C-alpha atoms as a PDB file:
ATOM      1  CA  MET A   1     -31.687  22.377  -6.872  1.00  0.00           C
ATOM      2  CA  THR A   2     -28.054  23.323  -7.508  1.00  0.00           C
ATOM      3  CA  ILE A   3     -26.623  26.796  -6.975  1.00  0.00           C
ATOM      4  CA  THR A   4     -26.459  27.314 -10.751  1.00  0.00           C
ATOM      5  CA  GLU A   5     -30.126  26.392 -11.060  1.00  0.00           C
ATOM      6  CA  LYS A   6     -31.078  28.773  -8.238  1.00  0.00           C
ATOM      7  CA  VAL A   7     -29.204  31.646  -9.860  1.00  0.00           C
ATOM      8  CA  ALA A   8     -30.894  30.878 -13.197  1.00  0.00           C
ATOM      9  CA  TYR A   9     -34.256  31.001 -11.398  1.00  0.00           C
ATOM     10  CA  LEU A  10     -33.394  34.411  -9.888  1.00  0.00           C
ATOM     11  CA  LYS A  11     -32.329  35.680 -13.299  1.00  0.00           C
ATOM     12  CA  GLY A  12     -35.616  34.485 -14.772  1.00  0.00           C
ATOM     13  CA  LEU A  13     -37.587  36.206 -11.996  1.00  0.00           C
ATOM     14  CA  ALA A  14     -35.736  39.451 -12.588  1.00  0.00           C
ATOM     15  CA  GLU A  15     -36.428  39.286 -16.328  1.00  0.00           C
ATOM     16  CA  GLY A  16     -40.069  38.397 -15.680  1.00  0.00           C
ATOM     17  CA  MET A  17     -40.464  41.386 -13.373  1.00  0.00           C
ATOM     18  CA  ALA A  18     -39.210  43.627 -16.183  1.00  0.00           C
ATOM     19  CA  LEU A  19     -36.807  45.467 -13.924  1.00  0.00           C
ATOM     20  CA  ASP A  20     -35.743  48.756 -15.303  1.00  0.00           C
ATOM     21  CA  THR A  21     -31.955  48.419 -15.609  1.00  0.00           C
ATOM     22  CA  GLU A  22     -31.751  52.157 -16.308  1.00  0.00           C
ATOM     23  CA  LYS A  23     -32.636  52.918 -12.663  1.00  0.00           C
ATOM     24  CA  ASN A  24     -30.182  52.384  -9.818  1.00  0.00           C
ATOM     25  CA  GLU A  25     -32.121  49.570  -8.126  1.00  0.00           C
ATOM     26  CA  GLY A  26     -32.485  47.651 -11.395  1.00  0.00           C
ATOM     27  CA  LYS A  27     -28.776  48.046 -12.198  1.00  0.00           C
ATOM     28  CA  LEU A  28     -27.826  46.820  -8.711  1.00  0.00           C
ATOM     29  CA  ILE A  29     -30.057  43.742  -8.896  1.00  0.00           C
ATOM     30  CA  SER A  30     -28.825  42.934 -12.417  1.00  0.00           C
ATOM     31  CA  VAL A  31     -25.157  43.148 -11.354  1.00  0.00           C
ATOM     32  CA  ILE A  32     -25.826  41.060  -8.218  1.00  0.00           C
ATOM     33  CA  ILE A  33     -27.492  38.336 -10.303  1.00  0.00           C
ATOM     34  CA  ASP A  34     -24.624  38.355 -12.841  1.00  0.00           C
ATOM     35  CA  THR A  35     -22.091  38.093  -9.993  1.00  0.00           C
ATOM     36  CA  LEU A  36     -24.054  35.226  -8.418  1.00  0.00           C
ATOM     37  CA  GLU A  37     -24.070  33.478 -11.785  1.00  0.00           C
ATOM     38  CA  ASP A  38     -20.246  33.791 -12.069  1.00  0.00           C
ATOM     39  CA  ILE A  39     -19.796  32.514  -8.495  1.00  0.00           C
ATOM     40  CA  ALA A  40     -22.105  29.565  -9.135  1.00  0.00           C
ATOM     41  CA  LEU A  41     -20.211  28.577 -12.292  1.00  0.00           C
ATOM     42  CA  GLU A  42     -16.860  28.838 -10.476  1.00  0.00           C
ATOM     43  CA  ILE A  43     -18.130  26.673  -7.598  1.00  0.00           C
ATOM     44  CA  GLU A  44     -19.369  24.078 -10.085  1.00  0.00           C
ATOM     45  CA  GLU A  45     -15.938  23.961 -11.776  1.00  0.00           C
ATOM     46  CA  LEU A  46     -14.182  23.642  -8.397  1.00  0.00           C
ATOM     47  CA  SER A  47     -16.496  20.797  -7.394  1.00  0.00           C
ATOM     48  CA  GLU A  48     -15.743  18.915 -10.609  1.00  0.00           C
ATOM     49  CA  SER A  49     -11.997  19.487 -10.146  1.00  0.00           C
ATOM     50  CA  THR A  50     -12.180  18.230  -6.560  1.00  0.00           C
ATOM     51  CA  ILE A  51     -13.912  15.047  -7.680  1.00  0.00           C
ATOM     52  CA  ASP A  52     -11.286  14.505 -10.414  1.00  0.00           C
ATOM     53  CA  ILE A  53      -8.424  15.071  -7.959  1.00  0.00           C
ATOM     54  CA  GLY A  54     -10.024  12.632  -5.501  1.00  0.00           C
ATOM     55  CA  ASP A  55     -10.270   9.970  -8.214  1.00  0.00           C
ATOM     56  CA  GLU A  56      -6.634  10.499  -9.194  1.00  0.00           C
ATOM     57  CA  LEU A  57      -5.544  10.353  -5.544  1.00  0.00           C
ATOM     58  CA  ASP A  58      -7.391   7.041  -5.112  1.00  0.00           C
ATOM     59  CA  ALA A  59      -5.614   5.637  -8.179  1.00  0.00           C
ATOM     60  CA  ILE A  60      -2.219   6.792  -6.868  1.00  0.00           C
ATOM     61  CA  SER A  61      -2.970   5.276  -3.467  1.00  0.00           C
ATOM     62  CA  ASP A  62      -3.860   1.943  -5.093  1.00  0.00           C
ATOM     63  CA  ASP A  63      -0.660   2.032  -7.170  1.00  0.00           C
ATOM     64  CA  LEU A  64       1.395   2.805  -4.063  1.00  0.00           C
ATOM     65  CA  ALA A  65      -0.195  -0.123  -2.227  1.00  0.00           C
ATOM     66  CA  ASP A  66       0.807  -2.390  -5.129  1.00  0.00           C
ATOM     67  CA  VAL A  67       4.379  -1.079  -5.021  1.00  0.00           C
ATOM     68  CA  GLU A  68       4.546  -1.600  -1.239  1.00  0.00           C
ATOM     69  CA  GLU A  69       3.307  -5.163  -1.683  1.00  0.00           C
ATOM     70  CA  VAL A  70       6.039  -5.872  -4.242  1.00  0.00           C
ATOM     71  CA  LEU A  71       8.769  -4.221  -2.180  1.00  0.00           C
ATOM     72  CA  PHE A  72       7.819  -5.312   1.312  1.00  0.00           C
ATOM     73  CA  GLY A  73       5.505  -8.304   0.842  1.00  0.00           C
ATOM     74  CA  ASP A  74       3.110  -9.533   3.497  1.00  0.00           C
ATOM     75  CA  GLU A  75       5.587 -10.490   6.182  1.00  0.00           C
ATOM     76  CA  GLU A  76       7.283  -8.058   8.506  1.00  0.00           C
ATOM     77  CA  GLU A  77      11.053  -7.932   8.368  1.00  0.00           C
ATOM     78  CA  ASP A  78      13.538  -7.216  11.131  1.00  0.00           C
ATOM     79  CA  GLU A  79      16.267  -4.561  11.025  1.00  0.00           C
ATOM     80  CA  TYR A  80      18.512  -6.833   8.929  1.00  0.00           C
ATOM     81  CA  GLY A  81      15.901  -7.413   6.215  1.00  0.00           C
ATOM     82  CA  GLU A  82      15.139 -10.961   7.384  1.00  0.00           C
ATOM     83  CA  ASP A  83      11.634 -12.277   7.943  1.00  0.00           C
ATOM     84  CA  ASP A  84      10.866 -12.472  11.653  1.00  0.00           C
ATOM     85  CA  ASP A  85      10.210 -16.212  11.559  1.00  0.00           C
ATOM     86  CA  ALA A  86      12.741 -17.191   8.914  1.00  0.00           C
ATOM     87  CA  PHE A  87      15.923 -17.338  11.001  1.00  0.00           C
ATOM     88  CA  TYR A  88      16.790 -18.378  14.527  1.00  0.00           C
ATOM     89  CA  GLY A  89      20.307 -17.580  15.689  1.00  0.00           C
ATOM     90  CA  MET A  90      22.597 -19.146  18.247  1.00  0.00           C
ATOM     91  CA  GLY A  91      20.988 -19.724  21.613  1.00  0.00           C
ATOM     92  CA  GLU A  92      17.457 -19.054  20.408  1.00  0.00           C
ATOM     93  CA  ALA A  93      14.950 -21.854  20.391  1.00  0.00           C
ATOM     94  CA  CYS A  94      13.307 -22.342  17.012  1.00  0.00           C
ATOM     95  CA  CYS A  95      10.877 -24.954  18.296  1.00  0.00           C
ATOM     96  CA  ASP A  96      10.396 -27.420  21.158  1.00  0.00           C
ATOM     97  CA  CYS A  97      13.175 -29.758  19.998  1.00  0.00           C
ATOM     98  CA  ASP A  98      15.984 -28.381  22.244  1.00  0.00           C
ATOM     99  CA  CYS A  99      18.112 -27.381  19.233  1.00  0.00           C
ATOM    100  CA  GLU A 100      19.230 -24.130  20.906  1.00  0.00           C
ATOM    101  CA  ASP A 101      22.900 -24.470  19.930  1.00  0.00           C
ATOM    102  CA  GLU A 102      22.335 -24.678  16.161  1.00  0.00           C
ATOM    103  CA  TYR A 103      21.192 -22.348  13.470  1.00  0.00           C
ATOM    104  CA  ALA A 104      17.765 -23.210  12.142  1.00  0.00           C
ATOM    105  CA  TYR A 105      15.788 -21.857   9.227  1.00  0.00           C
ATOM    106  CA  GLU A 106      12.089 -21.884   8.478  1.00  0.00           C
ATOM    107  CA  VAL A 107      11.349 -22.745   4.855  1.00  0.00           C
ATOM    108  CA  THR A 108       8.227 -23.520   2.895  1.00  0.00           C
ATOM    109  CA  CYS A 109       8.104 -26.882   1.153  1.00  0.00           C
ATOM    110  CA  PRO A 110       7.515 -26.273  -2.576  1.00  0.00           C
ATOM    111  CA  SER A 111       5.451 -29.467  -2.863  1.00  0.00           C
ATOM    112  CA  CYS A 112       2.985 -29.248   0.034  1.00  0.00           C
ATOM    113  CA  GLY A 113       3.340 -25.558   0.937  1.00  0.00           C
ATOM    114  CA  GLU A 114       3.850 -26.268   4.652  1.00  0.00           C
ATOM    115  CA  ASP A 115       6.436 -24.369   6.713  1.00  0.00           C
ATOM    116  CA  ILE A 116       9.165 -26.608   8.124  1.00  0.00           C
ATOM    117  CA  ILE A 117      12.245 -26.052  10.287  1.00  0.00           C
ATOM    118  CA  VAL A 118      15.580 -26.874   8.643  1.00  0.00           C
ATOM    119  CA  GLU A 119      18.557 -27.208  10.965  1.00  0.00           C
ATOM    120  CA  GLU A 120      22.152 -26.444  10.090  1.00  0.00           C
ATOM    121  CA  ALA A 121      23.017 -30.158   9.897  1.00  0.00           C
ATOM    122  CA  ASP A 122      20.374 -30.680   7.191  1.00  0.00           C
ATOM    123  CA  LEU A 123      21.866 -27.800   5.206  1.00  0.00           C
ATOM    124  CA  GLU A 124      25.332 -29.321   5.468  1.00  0.00           C
ATOM    125  CA  ASN A 125      23.977 -32.683   4.237  1.00  0.00           C
ATOM    126  CA  GLY A 126      22.490 -30.879   1.257  1.00  0.00           C
ATOM    127  CA  ASP A 127      19.080 -32.543   1.370  1.00  0.00           C
ATOM    128  CA  MET A 128      16.299 -33.859   3.576  1.00  0.00           C
ATOM    129  CA  ASN A 129      12.772 -35.205   3.225  1.00  0.00           C
ATOM    130  CA  CYS A 130       9.828 -32.950   4.035  1.00  0.00           C
ATOM    131  CA  PRO A 131       8.313 -34.233   7.313  1.00  0.00           C
ATOM    132  CA  ASN A 132       4.817 -33.432   5.990  1.00  0.00           C
ATOM    133  CA  CYS A 133       4.752 -34.869   2.457  1.00  0.00           C
ATOM    134  CA  GLY A 134       8.008 -36.841   2.239  1.00  0.00           C
ATOM    135  CA  GLU A 135       9.239 -34.923  -0.827  1.00  0.00           C
ATOM    136  CA  LYS A 136      13.034 -34.733  -1.082  1.00  0.00           C
ATOM    137  CA  LEU A 137      14.267 -31.181  -0.563  1.00  0.00           C
ATOM    138  CA  GLU A 138      17.732 -30.207  -1.743  1.00  0.00           C
ATOM    139  CA  PHE A 139      19.758 -27.292  -0.408  1.00  0.00           C
ATOM    140  CA  GLU A 140      22.739 -25.487  -1.832  1.00  0.00           C
ATOM    141  CA  PHE A 141      25.156 -24.740   0.958  1.00  0.00           C
ATOM    142  CA  ASP A 142      28.027 -22.449   0.045  1.00  0.00           C
ATOM    143  CA  GLU A 143      31.141 -23.128   2.126  1.00  0.00           C
ATOM    144  CA  ASP A 144      32.531 -19.686   1.188  1.00  0.00           C
ATOM    145  CA  ASP A 145      29.641 -17.976   3.002  1.00  0.00           C
ATOM    146  CA  GLU A 146      30.407 -19.979   6.137  1.00  0.00           C
ATOM    147  CA  ALA A 147      34.130 -19.145   5.881  1.00  0.00           C
ATOM    148  CA  GLU A 148      33.382 -15.430   5.628  1.00  0.00           C
ATOM    149  CA  ASP A 149      31.275 -15.566   8.812  1.00  0.00           C
ATOM    150  CA  ALA A 150      33.917 -17.496  10.790  1.00  0.00           C
ATOM    151  CA  PRO A 151      36.556 -15.544  12.738  1.00  0.00           C
ATOM    152  CA  GLU A 152      39.985 -15.471  11.093  1.00  0.00           C
ATOM    153  CA  ASP A 153      42.898 -17.257  12.805  1.00  0.00           C
ATOM    154  CA  ALA A 154      45.689 -14.899  13.746  1.00  0.00           C
END
């Protein structure tokens, strides 16, 4: 039984008892029941509003999760905006092949979907075959980018 239903029951009891609302006790009970009825209606409205706000908050949370997925993706990025596994700099081993003195990149083959390591020499050649599926992969290597990263001669 809801609060509104309980108040309606009390109101019905009071009417069934034929309280004399001309006497003080009857007036008091009548006003108390009317006040309880107002409180019950207000609580019912607040409950409905709370449920509506909760539904809207859930929808906003879902939308925010979608936006985060678009902006940040699944993979974590380092402080420079690079994927943790996507780039290995000078002196860092990218795998067990002792290629510590070269830059290496991890890329996903568009044909087989496997992650492969591409060394700087392969980028300079412009292409290589995927070690997993044999598909020819081509790379665009911009010499201007390399020149910008190199120290200027004085």
